[in-house]
């Protein structure tokens, strides 16, 4: 099993043993930064330590070399406006290399994953993301959450924040049900009630309160229904 040791080495090397000062120096000096090469050496050493098998020395070297190529490309092409995108691309490519090497060495049997239960679980998870958001949006389209007096409540919010909050809460509720911890669902309801209370109290709008309540019940209802179906 080399996947977990390589993942652990990557997480420690990329996040625990890489100070922010190194990151800043690499972004400024790019390939001329000495910390880029220190960073690669640390990854090489960590991979050798966690694999703890000299027969796999070449795997540690491949991971370290690919890490250098990926980091070099990121440093060369990223800009201030694309920095976030390059961070995720960088991490994705590192994980692809690790997964590819793991498959090459261990040759896993994928047929065991193609079961009815797994497909039901995957379908439920996918449904609780964007599809459920669209269903809820359509069901609530007959009403408007905008209060009569727009000055009575803060209407600004993060872009698509409500959508992603809904997706996360549905997935968390679904997870609690899947692992038979229904008390977690109660915790989620209580937590959301606390965070929403101040906004609704400030709004003093029954219309907004009812709109939020219906949306919350629909969101939780979809998650509970999906959780029951996969049991």
Foldseek 3Di string as FASTA:
>chain_A
DLLVQLVVLCCCLVPVPQDPVLVVQCLVVPPPRPSLVVSLVSSLVSSCVSVVDVVCNVVSVVLSVVLSVLSSVLSVPDDPVCNVVSVVVSVVSSSVSSVVVCCVPPVDDCVVCPDPLNVLVVVLLVCLAVVLVVVLCVVLVVADLQDPDNVQADPDDDVCPVRVVLSVLLVQCLVCLLVVNNVVVVVSVVVVCVVCVVRCVSNVGPRNVVSVVVSVCSSNVSSVVSSVVSD
